[in-house]
Amino acid sequence: MADRYWFFASQGQQQGPYPEARLRQFIAAGTVNAETLVWTEGMANWQKAGEIPGLLAGASGPPAVPGVLSGAGIGAGGSLSVDLSIWALLGRSLLLFIGFVLVIPAPWVATGFFGWFVERLRVPQRPNLGFTGKPGDIWYVFVIQGLCTYAGFSDAWYPPLIVMPLQAFLSWMTIRWIAANISSNGHPLALSFAGSAAGYIGWYLLLYVSVLSIIGWAWVITAWMRWTCRNIAGTRREIVFNASGWQILWRTLVYALGMALIIPIPWAMGWYTRWYVSQFALVERTAYASA
């Protein structure tokens, strides 16, 4: 069955098709469990994954070879995934946008969005993720971010340029806050983001400049994400970003086209978000360093 493609049901939505190797990553992450309905070509009806001989039993695969990453690039860890409804994602995103436009609700809608998203992340060996951040923690950051959105409505060219480093700094503060407030099974994970504010602002500005090269921004995003992953501290395993510049480029262009056509927006958002999250993976630090 290794060459088959699988579908599974999650939150009332049909997911797939996925190759069996990807399905086993969902199983390892807990997204697909014994009660999840699955189907592949040759099956008369949908069945629970636990009723299919060998499907769950072999999900973890063999131990990683020391110093070598597996074909999925995950070693003893695995790829991240996110279990969400496209309509919930659309609704939450619209609420987040409206909250920042109105400025005052920004701390509440931002905290609600991050909490909702983190709870739907599936991380290997880290079940039941939660978010402990409160609207009052860094409320001023979100209020200022909301005010910064109005810089783009100015007829002059200089307000966005002045605001851009400030937005980068606020984004850096937000990432630090999110990392520090992620929990698993109700216990804090003691994560932190160790990247410097100057480094983060530098990447932010480089991305803006790289747009002038038409396609170079995709490689800047790839390098930026890898720099970000290297600066996540407090984990036994290394967080890596596997996407290439070409993958970022063509998928972002398809996503932008879907958004421009209006009607495909929910599906484009769901497709792009799930893929982007799946490009983050966990590997053993010793194995990754030796590779």
Protein backbone atom coordinates (compact mmCIF):
# COMPACT_ATOMS: atom_id res chain seq x y z
CA MET A 1 0.00 0.00 0.00
CA ALA A 2 3.04 2.26 0.18
CA ASP A 3 2.41 3.75 -3.27
CA ARG A 4 -1.24 4.59 -2.60
CA TYR A 5 -2.71 7.99 -1.90
CA TRP A 6 -4.96 8.43 1.11
CA PHE A 7 -7.80 10.67 2.19
CA PHE A 8 -8.89 11.26 5.78
CA ALA A 9 -11.70 13.15 7.51
CA SER A 10 -10.88 15.96 9.95
CA GLN A 11 -13.37 18.35 11.58
CA GLY A 12 -16.00 17.48 8.98
CA GLN A 13 -13.63 18.20 6.08
CA GLN A 14 -12.12 15.73 3.61
CA GLN A 15 -8.32 16.02 3.54
CA GLY A 16 -6.05 14.67 0.82
CA PRO A 17 -5.00 12.96 -1.27
CA TYR A 18 -1.68 12.33 0.53
CA PRO A 19 0.98 9.70 -0.19
CA GLU A 20 1.23 7.07 2.54
CA ALA A 21 4.51 8.55 3.83
CA ARG A 22 2.71 11.85 4.47
CA LEU A 23 -0.25 10.06 6.06
CA ARG A 24 2.15 8.39 8.50
CA GLN A 25 3.50 11.82 9.44
CA PHE A 26 -0.06 12.87 10.28
CA ILE A 27 -0.39 9.70 12.38
CA ALA A 28 2.88 10.41 14.20
CA ALA A 29 1.73 13.97 14.89
CA GLY A 30 -1.61 12.77 16.25
CA THR A 31 -3.68 14.41 13.50
CA VAL A 32 -4.80 10.96 12.35
CA ASN A 33 -5.58 8.47 15.10
CA ALA A 34 -7.30 5.11 15.44
CA GLU A 35 -10.78 6.73 15.24
CA THR A 36 -10.07 8.86 12.16
CA LEU A 37 -11.93 7.81 9.02
CA VAL A 38 -9.60 7.12 6.08
CA TRP A 39 -10.02 5.93 2.50
CA THR A 40 -7.78 4.90 -0.39
CA GLU A 41 -8.37 3.40 -3.81
CA GLY A 42 -9.57 -0.19 -3.56
CA MET A 43 -11.57 0.32 -0.34
CA ALA A 44 -15.34 -0.06 -0.62
CA ASN A 45 -16.06 2.45 2.16
CA TRP A 46 -14.37 4.78 4.61
CA GLN A 47 -12.88 2.96 7.59
CA LYS A 48 -11.35 3.90 10.91
CA ALA A 49 -7.56 3.99 10.67
CA GLY A 50 -7.29 1.59 13.62
CA GLU A 51 -9.27 -1.05 11.70
CA ILE A 52 -6.78 -1.20 8.81
CA PRO A 53 -4.08 -3.81 9.52
CA GLY A 54 -0.57 -2.36 9.72
CA LEU A 55 -1.54 1.27 9.12
CA LEU A 56 -1.03 2.55 12.66
CA ALA A 57 1.43 -0.08 13.81
CA GLY A 58 4.14 0.98 11.37
CA ALA A 59 3.57 4.71 11.58
CA SER A 60 6.70 5.57 13.51
CA GLY A 61 9.09 3.87 11.06
CA PRO A 62 12.59 2.59 11.82
CA PRO A 63 15.05 4.43 14.07
CA ALA A 64 17.07 7.17 12.40
CA VAL A 65 20.55 6.31 11.22
CA PRO A 66 23.05 8.36 13.31
CA GLY A 67 24.24 11.43 11.43
CA VAL A 68 21.78 10.92 8.57
CA LEU A 69 18.42 12.61 8.00
CA SER A 70 15.57 10.54 6.66
CA GLY A 71 14.01 11.20 3.27
CA ALA A 72 11.48 13.53 4.87
CA GLY A 73 14.25 15.43 6.59
CA ILE A 74 12.85 14.74 10.04
CA GLY A 75 15.18 12.18 11.64
CA ALA A 76 13.67 11.15 14.97
CA GLY A 77 11.28 14.10 14.92
CA GLY A 78 8.73 14.84 12.22
CA SER A 79 7.01 17.50 10.16
CA LEU A 80 4.58 19.88 11.77
CA SER A 81 0.99 20.01 10.57
CA VAL A 82 -2.08 22.05 11.33
CA ASP A 83 -5.63 20.75 11.67
CA LEU A 84 -8.03 23.53 10.77
CA SER A 85 -11.19 24.28 8.82
CA ILE A 86 -10.80 26.62 5.86
CA TRP A 87 -13.89 28.56 6.95
CA ALA A 88 -12.63 28.97 10.50
CA LEU A 89 -9.30 30.18 9.11
CA LEU A 90 -11.05 32.69 6.87
CA GLY A 91 -13.28 33.94 9.68
CA ARG A 92 -10.43 34.28 12.17
CA SER A 93 -8.26 36.06 9.61
CA LEU A 94 -11.00 38.57 8.80
CA LEU A 95 -11.60 39.17 12.50
CA LEU A 96 -7.87 39.72 12.99
CA PHE A 97 -7.77 42.26 10.15
CA ILE A 98 -10.83 44.14 11.42
CA GLY A 99 -9.44 44.18 14.95
CA PHE A 100 -6.20 45.82 13.82
CA VAL A 101 -8.05 48.34 11.64
CA LEU A 102 -10.16 49.35 14.64
CA VAL A 103 -6.96 49.44 16.77
CA ILE A 104 -8.53 49.13 20.24
CA PRO A 105 -9.65 45.47 19.85
CA ALA A 106 -6.25 44.48 18.43
CA PRO A 107 -4.80 42.91 21.64
CA TRP A 108 -7.87 40.69 22.09
CA VAL A 109 -8.26 39.54 18.47
CA ALA A 110 -4.50 38.94 18.10
CA THR A 111 -4.31 36.87 21.29
CA GLY A 112 -7.41 34.93 20.26
CA PHE A 113 -6.02 34.21 16.79
CA PHE A 114 -2.62 33.01 18.04
CA GLY A 115 -4.24 30.85 20.72
CA TRP A 116 -6.64 29.30 18.21
CA PHE A 117 -3.84 28.58 15.73
CA VAL A 118 -1.36 27.14 18.25
CA GLU A 119 -4.00 24.77 19.61
CA ARG A 120 -4.42 23.33 16.12
CA LEU A 121 -0.73 22.75 15.51
CA ARG A 122 0.33 19.11 15.56
CA VAL A 123 3.92 18.64 16.70
CA PRO A 124 5.48 15.16 17.00
CA GLN A 125 5.84 14.09 20.64
CA ARG A 126 4.27 17.36 21.84
CA PRO A 127 0.55 16.64 22.30
CA ASN A 128 -2.19 19.11 23.18
CA LEU A 129 -0.42 22.36 22.46
CA GLY A 130 -1.86 25.40 24.15
CA PHE A 131 -1.27 29.12 24.38
CA THR A 132 -1.06 30.97 27.69
CA GLY A 133 -0.59 34.52 26.41
CA LYS A 134 -3.02 37.20 27.64
CA PRO A 135 -4.26 40.34 25.84
CA GLY A 136 -2.69 42.53 28.50
CA ASP A 137 0.82 41.06 28.15
CA ILE A 138 1.97 43.25 25.27
CA TRP A 139 -1.23 45.15 24.45
CA TYR A 140 0.73 48.24 23.42
CA VAL A 141 2.52 46.25 20.69
CA PHE A 142 -0.75 45.34 18.99
CA VAL A 143 -2.21 48.83 19.41
CA ILE A 144 0.85 50.39 17.75
CA GLN A 145 0.72 47.77 14.99
CA GLY A 146 -2.90 48.72 14.39
CA LEU A 147 -1.96 52.40 14.15
CA CYS A 148 0.89 51.53 11.75
CA THR A 149 -1.60 50.11 9.25
CA TYR A 150 -2.77 53.64 8.50
CA ALA A 151 0.67 54.70 7.26
CA GLY A 152 -0.10 52.99 3.96
CA PHE A 153 -3.02 55.34 3.32
CA SER A 154 -0.75 58.38 3.12
CA ASP A 155 -0.14 59.99 -0.28
CA ALA A 156 3.49 60.64 0.61
CA TRP A 157 6.16 57.99 0.06
CA TYR A 158 8.04 58.42 3.33
CA PRO A 159 5.52 57.35 6.06
CA PRO A 160 5.72 53.62 5.12
CA LEU A 161 9.52 53.80 5.07
CA ILE A 162 9.60 55.42 8.50
CA VAL A 163 7.09 52.96 9.95
CA MET A 164 8.69 49.84 8.45
CA PRO A 165 11.56 49.43 10.99
CA LEU A 166 9.03 50.02 13.78
CA GLN A 167 6.75 47.32 12.38
CA ALA A 168 9.72 44.94 12.19
CA PHE A 169 10.59 45.62 15.83
CA LEU A 170 6.99 45.06 16.91
CA SER A 171 6.90 41.81 14.95
CA TRP A 172 10.10 40.70 16.72
CA MET A 173 8.48 41.40 20.09
CA THR A 174 5.40 39.42 19.05
CA ILE A 175 7.44 36.36 18.07
CA ARG A 176 9.26 36.42 21.41
CA TRP A 177 5.92 36.63 23.22
CA ILE A 178 4.37 33.77 21.24
CA ALA A 179 7.36 31.46 21.76
CA ALA A 180 7.37 32.12 25.51
CA ASN A 181 3.68 31.26 25.90
CA ILE A 182 3.40 27.87 24.17
CA SER A 183 2.50 24.94 26.40
CA SER A 184 1.96 21.18 26.00
CA ASN A 185 -0.50 19.24 28.14
CA GLY A 186 -0.86 22.34 30.29
CA HIS A 187 2.86 22.68 31.02
CA PRO A 188 4.99 25.55 29.64
CA LEU A 189 7.57 24.42 27.07
CA ALA A 190 10.08 27.11 28.15
CA LEU A 191 10.71 28.11 24.55
CA SER A 192 12.31 31.41 23.63
CA PHE A 193 13.32 33.30 20.53
CA ALA A 194 16.99 34.25 20.77
CA GLY A 195 17.30 36.18 17.52
CA SER A 196 18.37 39.79 17.97
CA ALA A 197 16.10 42.73 17.19
CA ALA A 198 18.72 44.15 14.82
CA GLY A 199 18.95 40.84 12.95
CA TYR A 200 15.18 40.55 12.64
CA ILE A 201 14.81 44.13 11.41
CA GLY A 202 17.60 43.47 8.90
CA TRP A 203 15.75 40.51 7.42
CA TYR A 204 12.52 42.52 7.34
CA LEU A 205 14.15 45.34 5.38
CA LEU A 206 16.00 42.91 3.09
CA LEU A 207 12.69 41.31 2.18
CA TYR A 208 11.29 44.71 1.25
CA VAL A 209 14.31 45.51 -0.93
CA SER A 210 14.33 42.03 -2.53
CA VAL A 211 10.90 42.67 -4.05
CA LEU A 212 12.69 44.90 -6.57
CA SER A 213 14.37 41.76 -7.97
CA ILE A 214 10.91 40.37 -8.89
CA ILE A 215 11.60 36.83 -7.61
CA GLY A 216 14.46 37.18 -5.13
CA TRP A 217 12.06 37.68 -2.21
CA ALA A 218 11.27 33.95 -2.22
CA TRP A 219 14.87 33.06 -1.37
CA VAL A 220 15.02 35.82 1.25
CA ILE A 221 11.94 34.34 2.95
CA THR A 222 13.54 30.88 2.89
CA ALA A 223 16.77 32.15 4.45
CA TRP A 224 14.85 34.26 6.97
CA MET A 225 12.75 31.28 8.11
CA ARG A 226 15.89 29.17 8.58
CA TRP A 227 17.52 31.94 10.60
CA THR A 228 14.38 32.15 12.72
CA CYS A 229 14.38 28.38 13.32
CA ARG A 230 18.03 28.42 14.39
CA ASN A 231 17.17 31.00 17.01
CA ILE A 232 14.39 29.06 18.72
CA ALA A 233 15.90 28.03 22.06
CA GLY A 234 14.68 25.67 24.76
CA THR A 235 14.08 22.60 22.59
CA ARG A 236 15.89 19.27 22.63
CA ARG A 237 15.28 18.99 18.89
CA GLU A 238 16.27 21.39 16.14
CA ILE A 239 13.52 23.16 14.24
CA VAL A 240 14.27 23.29 10.51
CA PHE A 241 12.58 24.84 7.49
CA ASN A 242 12.64 22.55 4.45
CA ALA A 243 11.04 24.62 1.68
CA SER A 244 13.20 25.86 -1.18
CA GLY A 245 13.07 29.27 -2.80
CA TRP A 246 11.39 27.82 -5.90
CA GLN A 247 8.69 26.17 -3.80
CA ILE A 248 8.02 29.42 -1.95
CA LEU A 249 7.92 31.31 -5.26
CA TRP A 250 5.44 29.25 -7.24
CA ARG A 251 3.16 28.42 -4.33
CA THR A 252 2.98 32.06 -3.23
CA LEU A 253 2.14 33.13 -6.78
CA VAL A 254 -0.63 30.53 -7.00
CA TYR A 255 -1.89 31.65 -3.58
CA ALA A 256 -1.89 35.31 -4.68
CA LEU A 257 -3.82 34.38 -7.84
CA GLY A 258 -6.41 32.52 -5.77
CA MET A 259 -6.79 35.53 -3.47
CA ALA A 260 -7.17 37.88 -6.44
CA LEU A 261 -9.99 35.77 -7.90
CA ILE A 262 -11.98 36.21 -4.63
CA ILE A 263 -14.07 33.01 -4.79
CA PRO A 264 -11.12 30.60 -4.18
CA ILE A 265 -9.91 32.60 -1.13
CA PRO A 266 -10.92 30.06 1.57
CA TRP A 267 -9.36 27.14 -0.30
CA ALA A 268 -6.24 29.10 -1.23
CA MET A 269 -5.72 30.14 2.38
CA GLY A 270 -6.19 26.59 3.68
CA TRP A 271 -3.93 25.06 1.02
CA TYR A 272 -1.12 27.56 1.52
CA THR A 273 -1.30 27.54 5.32
CA ARG A 274 -1.20 23.74 5.60
CA TRP A 275 1.72 23.52 3.17
CA TYR A 276 3.69 26.30 4.86
CA VAL A 277 3.31 24.74 8.31
CA SER A 278 4.35 21.32 6.94
CA GLN A 279 7.70 22.78 5.84
CA PHE A 280 8.74 23.14 9.48
CA ALA A 281 10.14 19.94 10.96
CA LEU A 282 11.98 18.65 14.00
CA VAL A 283 15.29 16.77 13.92
CA GLU A 284 17.65 15.63 16.62
CA ARG A 285 20.24 18.35 17.17
CA THR A 286 23.19 15.91 17.04
CA ALA A 287 21.95 14.28 13.85
CA TYR A 288 21.29 17.64 12.20
CA ALA A 289 24.73 18.95 13.13
CA SER A 290 26.40 15.86 11.65
CA ALA A 291 24.45 15.93 8.42
